[in-house]
Protein backbone atom coordinates (compact mmCIF):
# COMPACT_ATOMS: atom_id res chain seq x y z
CA ARG A 1 16.94 33.72 -50.32
CA PRO A 2 14.07 31.16 -50.60
CA LEU A 3 16.68 28.67 -51.76
CA LEU A 4 18.69 29.33 -48.62
CA LEU A 5 15.72 28.19 -46.53
CA LEU A 6 15.55 24.76 -48.15
CA PRO A 7 18.31 23.16 -46.02
CA HIS A 8 16.60 24.43 -42.85
CA LEU A 9 13.22 23.12 -43.98
CA ALA A 10 14.76 19.75 -44.79
CA LYS A 11 16.43 19.64 -41.40
CA SER A 12 13.16 20.49 -39.64
CA LEU A 13 11.33 17.80 -41.60
CA PHE A 14 14.00 15.26 -40.67
CA ILE A 15 13.67 16.14 -36.95
CA CYS A 16 9.88 15.77 -37.11
CA VAL A 17 10.18 12.34 -38.73
CA CYS A 18 12.65 11.25 -36.03
CA LEU A 19 10.31 12.43 -33.30
CA LEU A 20 7.41 10.51 -34.80
CA ILE A 21 9.54 7.37 -34.99
CA ALA A 22 10.64 7.80 -31.38
CA LEU A 23 7.11 8.42 -30.16
CA SER A 24 5.88 5.26 -31.82
CA GLY A 25 7.64 3.31 -29.07
CA VAL A 26 5.97 5.23 -26.23
CA PRO A 27 2.87 3.47 -24.78
CA GLY A 28 0.91 6.70 -24.60
CA ALA A 29 1.73 7.50 -28.21
CA LYS A 30 0.78 4.00 -29.27
CA ALA A 31 -2.53 4.39 -27.50
CA PHE A 32 -3.12 7.74 -29.22
CA HIS A 33 -2.38 6.35 -32.68
CA CYS A 34 -4.51 3.33 -31.87
CA GLN A 35 -7.44 5.54 -30.89
CA GLN A 36 -7.01 7.61 -34.04
CA LYS A 37 -7.09 4.45 -36.16
CA LEU A 38 -10.17 3.23 -34.32
CA SER A 39 -11.92 6.57 -34.73
CA ASN A 40 -11.08 6.81 -38.42
CA ARG A 41 -12.16 3.24 -39.10
CA ASN A 42 -15.50 3.65 -37.33
CA ARG A 43 -16.05 7.06 -38.85
CA ASN A 44 -15.48 5.65 -42.35
CA ARG A 45 -17.76 2.68 -41.73
CA SER A 46 -20.48 4.91 -40.32
CA ILE A 47 -20.23 7.37 -43.21
CA MET A 48 -20.49 4.48 -45.69
CA SER A 49 -23.77 3.45 -44.09
CA LEU A 50 -25.28 6.93 -44.18
CA ASN A 51 -28.43 7.40 -46.24
CA GLY A 52 -28.42 11.14 -45.88
CA ALA A 53 -30.70 11.17 -42.87
CA THR A 54 -30.00 13.42 -39.88
CA SER A 55 -30.38 10.47 -37.54
CA ALA A 56 -27.53 8.76 -39.32
CA SER A 57 -25.14 11.63 -38.56
CA THR A 58 -26.10 11.32 -34.90
CA SER A 59 -25.15 7.64 -34.90
CA VAL A 60 -21.80 8.51 -36.42
CA SER A 61 -20.76 10.75 -33.55
CA ALA A 62 -22.02 8.20 -31.00
CA SER A 63 -20.01 5.45 -32.65
CA VAL A 64 -16.85 7.55 -32.65
CA SER A 65 -17.11 8.57 -29.01
CA THR A 66 -17.77 5.02 -27.83
CA SER A 67 -14.99 3.41 -29.82
CA ALA A 68 -12.32 5.95 -28.88
CA SER A 69 -12.00 4.80 -25.24
CA SER A 70 -8.41 4.82 -24.07
CA PRO A 71 -6.54 1.55 -23.62
CA LEU A 72 -4.44 3.22 -20.92
CA LEU A 73 -5.15 2.06 -17.38
CA LYS A 74 -6.67 4.30 -14.73
CA VAL A 75 -5.62 3.31 -11.21
CA ALA A 76 -6.96 4.55 -7.88
CA VAL A 77 -4.50 4.92 -5.00
CA ILE A 78 -6.13 5.18 -1.57
CA GLY A 79 -3.96 7.27 0.73
CA ALA A 80 -1.28 9.93 0.17
CA GLY A 81 1.14 8.77 2.85
CA ALA A 82 4.54 7.22 2.24
CA ALA A 83 3.12 4.08 0.60
CA GLY A 84 0.61 5.96 -1.55
CA LEU A 85 3.22 8.42 -2.81
CA ALA A 86 5.65 5.62 -3.69
CA THR A 87 2.88 3.77 -5.53
CA ALA A 88 1.75 6.83 -7.44
CA ARG A 89 5.34 7.60 -8.41
CA ALA A 90 5.87 4.06 -9.75
CA LEU A 91 2.64 4.18 -11.75
CA ASP A 92 3.30 7.66 -13.09
CA ARG A 93 6.84 6.73 -14.11
CA ALA A 94 5.47 3.75 -16.04
CA GLY A 95 2.96 5.85 -17.96
CA ILE A 96 -0.07 4.60 -16.01
CA THR A 97 -2.67 7.15 -14.94
CA ALA A 98 -2.97 7.35 -11.14
CA LYS A 99 -5.47 9.22 -8.98
CA ILE A 100 -4.76 9.47 -5.25
CA PHE A 101 -7.59 9.82 -2.75
CA GLU A 102 -6.49 11.46 0.51
CA LYS A 103 -8.93 12.17 3.33
CA ASP A 104 -6.72 14.90 4.85
CA ILE A 105 -6.14 18.31 3.31
CA SER A 106 -2.39 17.66 3.01
CA LEU A 107 -0.18 14.70 2.15
CA GLY A 108 1.94 12.69 4.56
CA GLY A 109 -0.46 10.19 6.09
CA VAL A 110 0.42 9.32 9.68
CA TRP A 111 3.31 11.80 9.56
CA ASN A 112 0.84 14.69 9.62
CA TYR A 113 1.04 15.57 13.31
CA HIS A 114 -2.06 16.93 15.04
CA PRO A 115 -1.45 18.04 18.66
CA HIS A 116 -3.51 16.20 21.27
CA SER A 117 -5.18 14.01 18.64
CA LYS A 118 -6.73 10.83 19.96
CA THR A 119 -6.71 9.03 16.63
CA ARG A 120 -3.17 9.48 15.24
CA PRO A 121 -0.09 7.44 16.23
CA VAL A 122 2.41 10.31 15.91
CA TYR A 123 3.05 12.15 19.17
CA ARG A 124 4.80 15.39 20.00
CA GLY A 125 8.24 14.07 20.93
CA LEU A 126 8.49 11.27 18.38
CA ARG A 127 11.70 10.67 16.50
CA THR A 128 12.26 7.86 14.03
CA ASN A 129 13.82 4.68 15.38
CA LEU A 130 15.60 4.23 12.04
CA PRO A 131 18.25 6.56 10.60
CA ARG A 132 17.01 8.58 7.67
CA GLU A 133 19.96 7.44 5.58
CA ILE A 134 18.28 4.02 5.21
CA MET A 135 14.68 5.28 5.40
CA ALA A 136 14.98 7.38 2.24
CA TYR A 137 13.38 6.56 -1.07
CA ARG A 138 16.03 5.36 -3.48
CA GLU A 139 15.31 8.22 -5.87
CA LEU A 140 15.68 11.03 -3.34
CA LYS A 141 18.60 11.13 -0.91
CA TRP A 142 17.99 12.18 2.67
CA GLY A 143 20.91 13.03 4.90
CA GLY A 144 24.12 11.06 4.88
CA ASP A 145 26.48 14.03 5.00
CA GLY A 146 27.85 13.08 8.41
CA LYS A 147 26.73 16.40 9.88
CA THR A 148 22.96 16.20 10.17
CA VAL A 149 21.08 14.19 12.79
CA SER A 150 20.13 10.73 11.54
CA TYR A 151 17.14 10.07 13.81
CA VAL A 152 14.70 12.75 12.73
CA THR A 153 11.48 14.25 14.06
CA HIS A 154 8.03 13.59 12.64
CA GLY A 155 8.06 17.09 11.16
CA GLU A 156 11.24 16.35 9.24
CA VAL A 157 9.70 13.15 7.89
CA ARG A 158 6.63 15.05 6.74
CA ASP A 159 8.82 17.67 5.05
CA TYR A 160 10.79 14.95 3.27
CA LEU A 161 7.57 13.41 1.94
CA ARG A 162 6.44 16.81 0.70
CA ARG A 163 9.79 17.33 -1.02
CA TYR A 164 9.44 13.88 -2.64
CA ALA A 165 5.98 14.79 -3.94
CA GLU A 166 7.21 18.15 -5.23
CA THR A 167 10.28 16.66 -6.89
CA TYR A 168 8.20 14.21 -8.91
CA ASN A 169 5.15 16.44 -9.34
CA LEU A 170 2.81 14.06 -7.51
CA GLU A 171 0.49 16.63 -5.97
CA ARG A 172 -1.25 17.00 -9.33
CA LEU A 173 -2.48 13.42 -8.86
CA ILE A 174 -3.96 13.92 -5.36
CA GLN A 175 -7.60 14.58 -4.60
CA PHE A 176 -7.40 16.08 -1.09
CA GLY A 177 -10.20 16.07 1.46
CA CYS A 178 -11.80 12.95 -0.03
CA SER A 179 -13.05 9.98 1.95
CA VAL A 180 -13.42 6.67 0.11
CA ARG A 181 -16.79 5.25 1.13
CA GLN A 182 -17.19 2.06 -0.89
CA LEU A 183 -15.19 -0.20 -3.16
CA SER A 184 -16.76 -2.95 -5.21
CA ILE A 185 -16.13 -4.92 -8.37
CA SER A 186 -17.81 -3.57 -11.46
CA MET A 187 -19.93 -6.41 -12.80
CA GLU A 188 -20.31 -4.77 -16.20
CA GLU A 189 -16.73 -4.17 -17.27
CA SER A 190 -13.40 -5.94 -17.34
CA SER A 191 -9.96 -4.39 -17.65
CA LEU A 192 -9.53 -6.37 -20.88
CA SER A 193 -11.79 -6.29 -23.90
CA VAL A 194 -12.77 -9.96 -24.11
CA LYS A 195 -14.76 -11.93 -21.52
CA GLU A 196 -14.91 -15.66 -20.97
CA GLU A 197 -18.51 -16.70 -20.31
CA ASN A 198 -17.67 -19.71 -18.15
CA GLN A 199 -14.94 -18.05 -16.09
CA LYS A 200 -16.14 -17.88 -12.48
CA HIS A 201 -13.66 -15.20 -11.42
CA ARG A 202 -12.34 -12.64 -13.84
CA ASP A 203 -8.70 -12.03 -12.99
CA TRP A 204 -8.63 -8.34 -13.81
CA PRO A 205 -12.00 -6.75 -13.03
CA LYS A 206 -12.65 -3.05 -12.92
CA PHE A 207 -13.78 -1.41 -9.69
CA ASN A 208 -16.48 1.03 -8.71
CA LEU A 209 -15.07 3.48 -6.17
CA GLU A 210 -17.44 5.73 -4.24
CA TRP A 211 -15.98 8.79 -2.55
CA GLN A 212 -17.08 11.99 -0.90
CA GLU A 213 -15.46 15.40 -0.57
CA GLU A 214 -15.10 16.43 3.08
CA SER A 215 -12.73 19.39 2.91
CA PRO A 216 -13.98 22.87 3.90
CA GLU A 217 -13.50 23.95 0.27
CA ALA A 218 -15.67 21.11 -1.07
CA THR A 219 -18.01 22.26 -3.80
CA SER A 220 -20.23 19.21 -3.42
CA THR A 221 -20.89 16.90 -0.48
CA GLY A 222 -22.63 14.18 -2.45
CA ILE A 223 -21.26 10.70 -3.09
CA LYS A 224 -19.37 10.40 -6.36
CA THR A 225 -18.58 7.18 -8.22
CA GLU A 226 -15.68 6.47 -10.56
CA VAL A 227 -14.63 3.32 -12.38
CA PHE A 228 -10.98 2.26 -12.17
CA ASP A 229 -9.05 -0.53 -13.87
CA ALA A 230 -7.14 -1.25 -10.66
CA VAL A 231 -6.98 -0.09 -7.05
CA CYS A 232 -3.96 0.14 -4.73
CA VAL A 233 -4.89 0.32 -1.06
CA CYS A 234 -2.23 2.37 0.77
CA ASN A 235 -4.03 3.50 3.92
CA GLY A 236 -1.44 2.04 6.27
CA HIS A 237 -1.78 -0.22 9.28
CA TYR A 238 -2.48 2.24 12.10
CA ALA A 239 -6.24 2.39 11.66
CA ALA A 240 -7.81 0.47 14.56
CA PRO A 241 -6.11 0.35 18.00
CA SER A 242 -5.82 -3.18 19.38
CA PHE A 243 -6.63 -3.99 23.01
CA PRO A 244 -5.66 -7.51 24.10
CA HIS A 245 -7.84 -9.13 26.73
CA ILE A 246 -6.45 -9.08 30.27
CA PRO A 247 -8.45 -11.00 32.91
CA GLY A 248 -9.59 -8.86 35.80
CA LEU A 249 -8.89 -5.55 34.09
CA ALA A 250 -12.50 -4.41 33.73
CA GLU A 251 -13.53 -5.62 37.17
CA ASN A 252 -10.54 -4.72 39.32
CA PHE A 253 -8.72 -1.78 37.79
CA HIS A 254 -10.15 1.69 38.47
CA GLY A 255 -7.46 3.91 37.05
CA THR A 256 -6.99 5.36 33.56
CA ILE A 257 -6.87 3.04 30.52
CA MET A 258 -5.70 4.35 27.16
CA HIS A 259 -4.00 3.29 23.93
CA SER A 260 -0.72 4.67 22.64
CA VAL A 261 -2.61 6.27 19.73
CA GLU A 262 -4.04 8.71 22.31
CA TYR A 263 -0.65 9.63 23.74
CA ASP A 264 0.91 13.01 23.08
CA ASP A 265 2.26 14.76 26.21
CA PRO A 266 4.33 12.88 28.83
CA GLU A 267 3.94 15.66 31.39
CA ILE A 268 0.36 14.63 32.21
CA PHE A 269 1.79 11.53 33.95
CA LYS A 270 3.73 13.54 36.54
CA ASP A 271 4.13 11.63 39.83
CA LYS A 272 2.00 8.74 38.59
CA SER A 273 2.74 5.03 38.34
CA VAL A 274 2.33 3.91 34.71
CA LEU A 275 2.22 0.50 33.01
CA CYS A 276 3.03 0.34 29.28
CA ILE A 277 1.83 -2.96 27.82
CA GLY A 278 3.89 -3.84 24.73
CA GLY A 279 7.65 -3.82 24.40
CA ARG A 280 8.17 -2.91 20.76
CA ALA A 281 9.05 0.53 19.39
CA SER A 282 6.12 2.58 20.70
CA GLY A 283 6.02 0.93 24.14
CA ALA A 284 9.75 1.39 24.71
CA ASP A 285 9.71 5.00 23.53
CA LEU A 286 6.67 5.97 25.59
CA ALA A 287 8.20 4.35 28.69
CA ARG A 288 11.36 6.37 28.12
CA GLU A 289 9.54 9.69 27.69
CA ILE A 290 7.14 9.16 30.57
CA SER A 291 9.94 8.11 32.94
CA PHE A 292 11.19 11.72 33.07
CA HIS A 293 7.93 12.76 34.73
CA ALA A 294 6.29 9.69 36.32
CA GLN A 295 7.01 8.22 39.72
CA HIS A 296 7.56 4.75 38.22
CA VAL A 297 7.09 3.07 34.84
CA TYR A 298 6.60 -0.63 34.14
CA LEU A 299 7.30 -1.83 30.60
CA SER A 300 5.56 -5.16 30.03
CA ASP A 301 7.13 -7.22 27.26
CA THR A 302 6.33 -10.79 26.23
CA THR A 303 10.01 -11.35 25.38
CA CYS A 304 11.19 -10.45 28.88
CA SER A 305 12.68 -13.47 30.67
CA GLU A 306 13.73 -11.72 33.86
CA ALA A 307 12.60 -8.45 35.41
CA VAL A 308 15.17 -5.65 35.33
CA THR A 309 14.96 -2.26 37.03
CA GLU A 310 16.95 0.79 36.00
CA GLU A 311 16.22 3.95 37.95
CA ASN A 312 12.43 4.36 37.85
CA VAL A 313 11.77 1.95 34.95
CA THR A 314 11.16 -1.77 35.41
CA TRP A 315 11.15 -4.15 32.46
CA VAL A 316 8.70 -6.95 33.28
CA PRO A 317 7.23 -10.04 31.54
CA LYS A 318 3.80 -10.31 29.96
CA THR A 319 0.88 -8.79 31.90
CA MET A 320 -1.27 -11.76 32.85
CA THR A 321 -4.07 -10.49 35.11
CA VAL A 322 -5.28 -7.77 37.45
CA ARG A 323 -5.98 -9.28 40.86
CA GLY A 324 -8.88 -8.41 43.10
CA ASP A 325 -6.72 -6.01 45.13
CA ALA A 326 -5.76 -4.22 41.85
CA THR A 327 -2.19 -5.53 41.88
CA ILE A 328 -0.73 -6.69 38.58
CA GLN A 329 0.55 -10.20 37.91
CA PHE A 330 3.45 -10.27 35.46
CA GLY A 331 4.33 -13.63 33.95
CA ASP A 332 2.52 -16.94 34.44
CA GLU A 333 2.67 -19.17 37.52
CA ASP A 334 5.74 -21.06 36.29
CA TYR A 335 7.57 -17.80 35.81
CA ASN A 336 6.76 -16.59 39.31
CA SER A 337 7.90 -19.82 40.97
CA ASP A 338 11.51 -20.29 42.03
CA ASN A 339 13.97 -21.33 39.34
CA ASP A 340 16.49 -24.15 39.61
CA ASP A 341 18.73 -22.01 41.82
CA GLY A 342 15.93 -21.34 44.27
CA ASN A 343 15.76 -17.68 43.22
CA SER A 344 12.76 -15.85 41.83
CA HIS A 345 12.86 -13.88 38.59
CA ASN A 346 12.48 -10.56 40.43
CA ALA A 347 9.06 -9.81 38.97
CA PRO A 348 7.24 -7.36 41.26
CA ASN A 349 4.35 -9.17 42.88
CA ASP A 350 2.49 -6.23 44.35
CA ALA A 351 2.68 -3.58 41.64
CA LYS A 352 -0.19 -1.11 41.52
CA VAL A 353 -0.47 1.53 38.83
CA ASP A 354 -2.52 4.64 38.14
CA VAL A 355 -2.45 4.41 34.34
CA ILE A 356 -2.34 1.52 31.87
CA ILE A 357 -1.27 2.37 28.32
CA PHE A 358 -1.79 -0.32 25.70
CA CYS A 359 1.16 -0.10 23.30
CA SER A 360 -0.15 -3.22 21.65
CA GLY A 361 -0.38 -2.28 18.01
CA TYR A 362 -3.27 -2.02 15.62
CA ASP A 363 -5.79 -4.10 13.74
CA TYR A 364 -6.21 -3.66 10.00
CA LYS A 365 -9.25 -1.73 8.93
CA PHE A 366 -10.62 -0.98 5.48
CA PRO A 367 -13.99 0.72 6.01
CA PHE A 368 -14.65 0.86 2.26
CA LEU A 369 -14.44 -2.95 2.07
CA ASN A 370 -17.49 -4.06 4.01
CA GLU A 371 -20.59 -6.22 3.84
CA LYS A 372 -21.82 -4.20 0.87
CA SER A 373 -18.69 -4.99 -1.14
CA ASN A 374 -18.69 -7.96 -3.50
CA ILE A 375 -14.99 -8.59 -2.80
CA ASP A 376 -13.92 -11.68 -0.87
CA LEU A 377 -11.67 -10.32 1.89
CA SER A 378 -11.22 -11.45 5.48
CA VAL A 379 -10.09 -8.86 8.03
CA LYS A 380 -10.87 -10.32 11.45
CA LYS A 381 -10.45 -8.16 14.54
CA GLY A 382 -7.68 -9.47 16.76
CA ASP A 383 -6.09 -11.61 14.03
CA ARG A 384 -4.17 -8.77 12.39
CA ARG A 385 -4.36 -10.80 9.22
CA VAL A 386 -5.70 -9.92 5.79
CA LYS A 387 -6.57 -12.73 3.39
CA PRO A 388 -6.57 -14.06 0.73
CA LEU A 389 -3.43 -12.30 -0.48
CA TYR A 390 -0.77 -13.56 -2.87
CA GLU A 391 2.71 -12.61 -1.66
CA GLN A 392 0.93 -10.39 0.91
CA LEU A 393 0.54 -7.85 -1.87
CA TRP A 394 -2.04 -8.85 -4.49
CA HIS A 395 -5.58 -10.02 -3.82
CA ALA A 396 -5.30 -13.70 -4.68
CA ILE A 397 -8.53 -13.76 -6.70
CA TYR A 398 -8.50 -10.22 -8.09
CA PRO A 399 -4.88 -9.07 -8.51
CA SER A 400 -6.02 -5.72 -9.87
CA LEU A 401 -6.58 -4.98 -6.17
CA ALA A 402 -3.28 -4.59 -4.31
CA PHE A 403 -2.31 -3.69 -0.74
CA VAL A 404 0.94 -1.71 -0.48
CA GLY A 405 2.42 -1.17 2.97
CA LEU A 406 0.54 -3.94 4.76
CA GLN A 407 3.54 -5.58 6.44
CA HIS A 408 5.02 -4.07 9.57
CA SER A 409 8.42 -4.01 11.29
CA VAL A 410 10.17 -3.04 8.06
CA VAL A 411 12.31 -0.18 6.74
CA PRO A 412 9.22 1.46 5.29
CA PHE A 413 9.91 3.83 2.41
CA PRO A 414 12.27 1.68 0.29
CA PHE A 415 10.15 -1.37 1.11
CA PHE A 416 7.06 0.43 -0.19
CA GLU A 417 8.98 1.27 -3.36
CA VAL A 418 9.79 -2.33 -4.27
CA GLN A 419 6.19 -3.33 -3.53
CA ALA A 420 4.90 -0.52 -5.73
CA ASP A 421 7.30 -1.50 -8.51
CA ALA A 422 6.12 -5.11 -8.35
CA VAL A 423 2.46 -4.07 -8.60
CA THR A 424 3.23 -1.62 -11.40
CA SER A 425 5.09 -4.27 -13.39
CA GLN A 426 1.94 -6.39 -13.65
CA LEU A 427 -0.28 -3.42 -14.45
CA LYS A 428 2.19 -2.36 -17.12
CA LEU A 429 1.90 -5.78 -18.75
CA LEU A 430 -1.89 -5.46 -18.57
CA GLN A 431 -1.79 -2.01 -20.16
CA ASN A 432 0.54 -3.19 -22.92
CA LYS A 433 -1.80 -6.06 -23.67
CA ARG A 434 -4.78 -3.71 -23.87
CA ILE A 435 -2.87 -1.53 -26.30
CA GLN A 436 -2.05 -4.60 -28.39
CA ILE A 437 -5.72 -5.63 -28.43
CA GLU A 438 -6.79 -2.16 -29.46
CA GLU A 439 -4.18 -2.07 -32.22
CA MET A 440 -5.25 -5.46 -33.54
CA ASN A 441 -8.92 -4.45 -33.39
CA ALA A 442 -8.06 -1.25 -35.24
CA SER A 443 -6.56 -3.19 -38.12
CA GLU A 444 -8.37 -2.98 -41.44
CA ASP A 445 -7.77 -6.68 -41.97
CA ASP A 446 -11.03 -8.36 -40.88
CA GLN A 447 -9.40 -11.77 -40.96
CA ASP A 448 -6.68 -10.73 -38.51
CA GLU A 449 -9.32 -9.08 -36.32
CA SER A 450 -11.34 -12.28 -36.04
CA LYS A 451 -8.25 -14.33 -35.24
CA SER A 452 -7.12 -11.97 -32.48
CA ALA A 453 -10.59 -11.85 -30.96
CA LYS A 454 -10.75 -15.63 -30.74
CA GLY A 455 -7.30 -15.89 -29.18
CA GLU A 456 -7.62 -13.32 -26.37
CA SER A 457 -8.56 -14.17 -22.78
CA GLU A 458 -8.74 -12.27 -19.52
CA SER A 459 -5.26 -13.03 -18.26
CA LEU A 460 -1.79 -11.69 -18.66
CA PRO A 461 0.61 -13.30 -21.12
CA SER A 462 2.15 -16.43 -19.69
CA SER A 463 5.65 -16.32 -18.25
CA SER A 464 6.90 -18.41 -21.13
CA SER A 465 5.87 -15.74 -23.62
CA SER A 466 8.82 -13.56 -22.65
CA SER A 467 12.14 -14.54 -21.17
CA SER A 468 12.34 -11.22 -19.33
CA SER A 469 8.79 -10.91 -17.97
CA TRP A 470 7.60 -12.36 -14.69
CA THR A 471 3.84 -12.68 -14.43
CA LEU A 472 1.46 -13.70 -11.69
CA PRO A 473 0.67 -17.43 -11.60
CA PRO A 474 -2.81 -18.84 -12.36
CA LEU A 475 -5.74 -18.36 -9.96
CA GLU A 476 -5.52 -21.82 -8.36
CA GLU A 477 -1.84 -21.41 -7.59
CA ARG A 478 -2.38 -17.96 -6.12
CA LEU A 479 -5.17 -19.21 -3.87
CA GLU A 480 -3.12 -22.16 -2.62
CA ALA A 481 -0.16 -19.90 -1.83
CA ALA A 482 -2.42 -17.39 -0.07
CA GLU A 483 -3.95 -20.11 2.10
CA ARG A 484 -0.53 -21.45 3.09
CA ASP A 485 0.64 -17.96 3.92
CA SER A 486 -2.38 -17.09 6.07
CA ASP A 487 -1.89 -20.26 8.15
CA SER A 488 1.89 -20.00 8.40
CA GLY A 489 2.17 -17.95 11.58
CA GLY A 490 4.34 -15.44 9.79
CA PRO A 491 7.97 -15.86 8.76
CA LYS A 492 8.80 -17.71 11.99
CA GLY A 493 6.56 -20.58 10.94
CA ALA A 494 3.43 -22.13 12.40
CA GLU A 495 5.23 -23.70 15.39
CA LYS A 496 6.88 -20.52 16.68
CA GLY A 497 4.73 -17.83 15.12
CA ARG A 498 1.18 -16.62 15.72
CA VAL A 499 -1.70 -15.66 13.48
CA GLN A 500 -1.02 -12.08 14.57
CA ASP A 501 2.50 -12.38 13.11
CA THR A 502 1.29 -13.10 9.57
CA HIS A 503 2.36 -9.66 8.32
CA PHE A 504 5.35 -9.24 10.63
CA LEU A 505 8.71 -9.24 8.86
CA GLY A 506 11.51 -7.75 10.96
CA GLY A 507 14.76 -9.42 9.97
CA TYR A 508 12.97 -11.41 7.27
CA GLN A 509 12.19 -8.26 5.27
CA TRP A 510 15.37 -8.39 3.18
CA ASP A 511 14.50 -11.67 1.46
CA THR A 512 10.97 -10.39 0.89
CA ALA A 513 12.20 -7.09 -0.55
CA ILE A 514 14.59 -8.89 -2.89
CA GLN A 515 11.72 -11.09 -4.10
CA TYR A 516 9.53 -8.06 -4.80
CA ALA A 517 12.41 -6.35 -6.60
CA LYS A 518 12.86 -9.41 -8.81
CA TYR A 519 9.16 -9.32 -9.67
CA ALA A 520 9.44 -5.65 -10.52
CA ASN A 521 12.58 -5.95 -12.65
CA ASP A 522 11.45 -9.01 -14.57
CA GLY A 523 7.91 -7.69 -14.96
CA GLY A 524 9.27 -4.44 -16.32
CA GLY A 525 11.36 -6.31 -18.85
CA THR A 526 14.63 -4.77 -17.67
CA GLY A 527 16.79 -7.73 -18.48
CA SER A 528 18.52 -10.68 -16.92
CA ASP A 529 18.27 -12.21 -13.47
CA ASP A 530 21.70 -10.77 -12.71
CA ASN A 531 20.35 -7.26 -13.15
CA ALA A 532 17.31 -8.10 -11.07
CA ASN A 533 19.45 -9.45 -8.25
CA ALA A 534 21.76 -6.45 -8.35
CA ASN A 535 18.89 -3.97 -8.17
CA ALA A 536 17.11 -6.04 -5.55
CA ASN A 537 20.16 -6.00 -3.31
CA ALA A 538 20.54 -2.26 -3.86
CA ASN A 539 16.92 -1.75 -2.81
CA ALA A 540 17.26 -3.98 0.23
CA ASN A 541 20.43 -2.24 1.35
């Protein structure tokens, strides 16, 4: 009978050997073996230097614990909304440790509806203005059966995001009820082992992140600090309501002024005359909802070339001023003069309203990046522009700081995915390089160790080092590109665009998404440009 067990034992041994061989190609396994080699090497060296004293044994354990630090990256993701979840999923899939900080007690970001809230853009009757068939993440289908409604409620969006998080086990990565207070560059550590003394800006610094628990279940209310190899800012672009200046408004208008972020219930406007300033998605939808209850609604849109009235809604040009008698002037003087045919453009010249709702968008706001931070970042109120950014995604100086979900007027969820994949591709290269450094340092060959130490620098491998790996360009090139981008006036160009359009994409999003997808595919080493283009087009579509 013992002889009968031999074939089974041999088979089991063979399976174990195969598993070990397979695991040797996994980054996490490589890091583990690397740490083991480092620990063994330092333990042996420390033991060799022992003289039998108790103090020597203490130094041994200290040496082991210090040298066994993991080469795997630890990345902070700020926000557990659609962008934060997509980013965490991309990082987790690539074997990079992610920790999500979410100030709410549940995930979903702006899609967490709070009735009568004055600080959240989602309102009671909101439905998406995009069909869910194209809004879905590429990994998790949503609708498309021809039977379900395509334009879904905010509650259905929130449920979809929860299902996405459950499907890919992302909730384990989220720290709920946590407010990020401060983000700054760690001046003591770099995300790579070797530092260049004369390098003014280290490309891949680590970050100190200060946060505080604010949930009712919080066990501690003190400020906590953690060090991360990289940070992905995913807190959206609905933080600070924007109010454009309108001459005469403060002096001559005595009705109610509010921003669309405060809107929730259209019934409160019953029998009132309402002006919605801003003709994009929120302005048009609020005008539609309010029109069922209000006496009259004016929708002021800068793209309007001629006033049009349908039932109790009038589409009018840009709101220029509030006159002394509280009437509103729509369009400039040239607009209000007769045209070539001797006819006016039908803009009402004596409109008076009870309520003005600014549907004028939002300014970017990152309260944890402030005057106390040692990070060069410009976020000027009214500009709606964040700089310096390379490809509107990576901080141009410190690419270990990324901003996912910054652009607006896009198909959000799949767009966030390709951005997250692009960021992850570069962090994956960084992690692989750290593992390589650790493995070389763990070698018993002192000559090889000295050679590798002399040859390493704080940058990713150059693009020429691998035919299938795209890497970020050098610092100077990133800064030049970021400066051109910030002055471009958005995709329309400096002549037709505005500073406020820097992060607007609209119909230009497809080319941008394809570019991100190429970065992600090449950076991940998935193969040829043909594959990158195919996947990019799949993502964009």
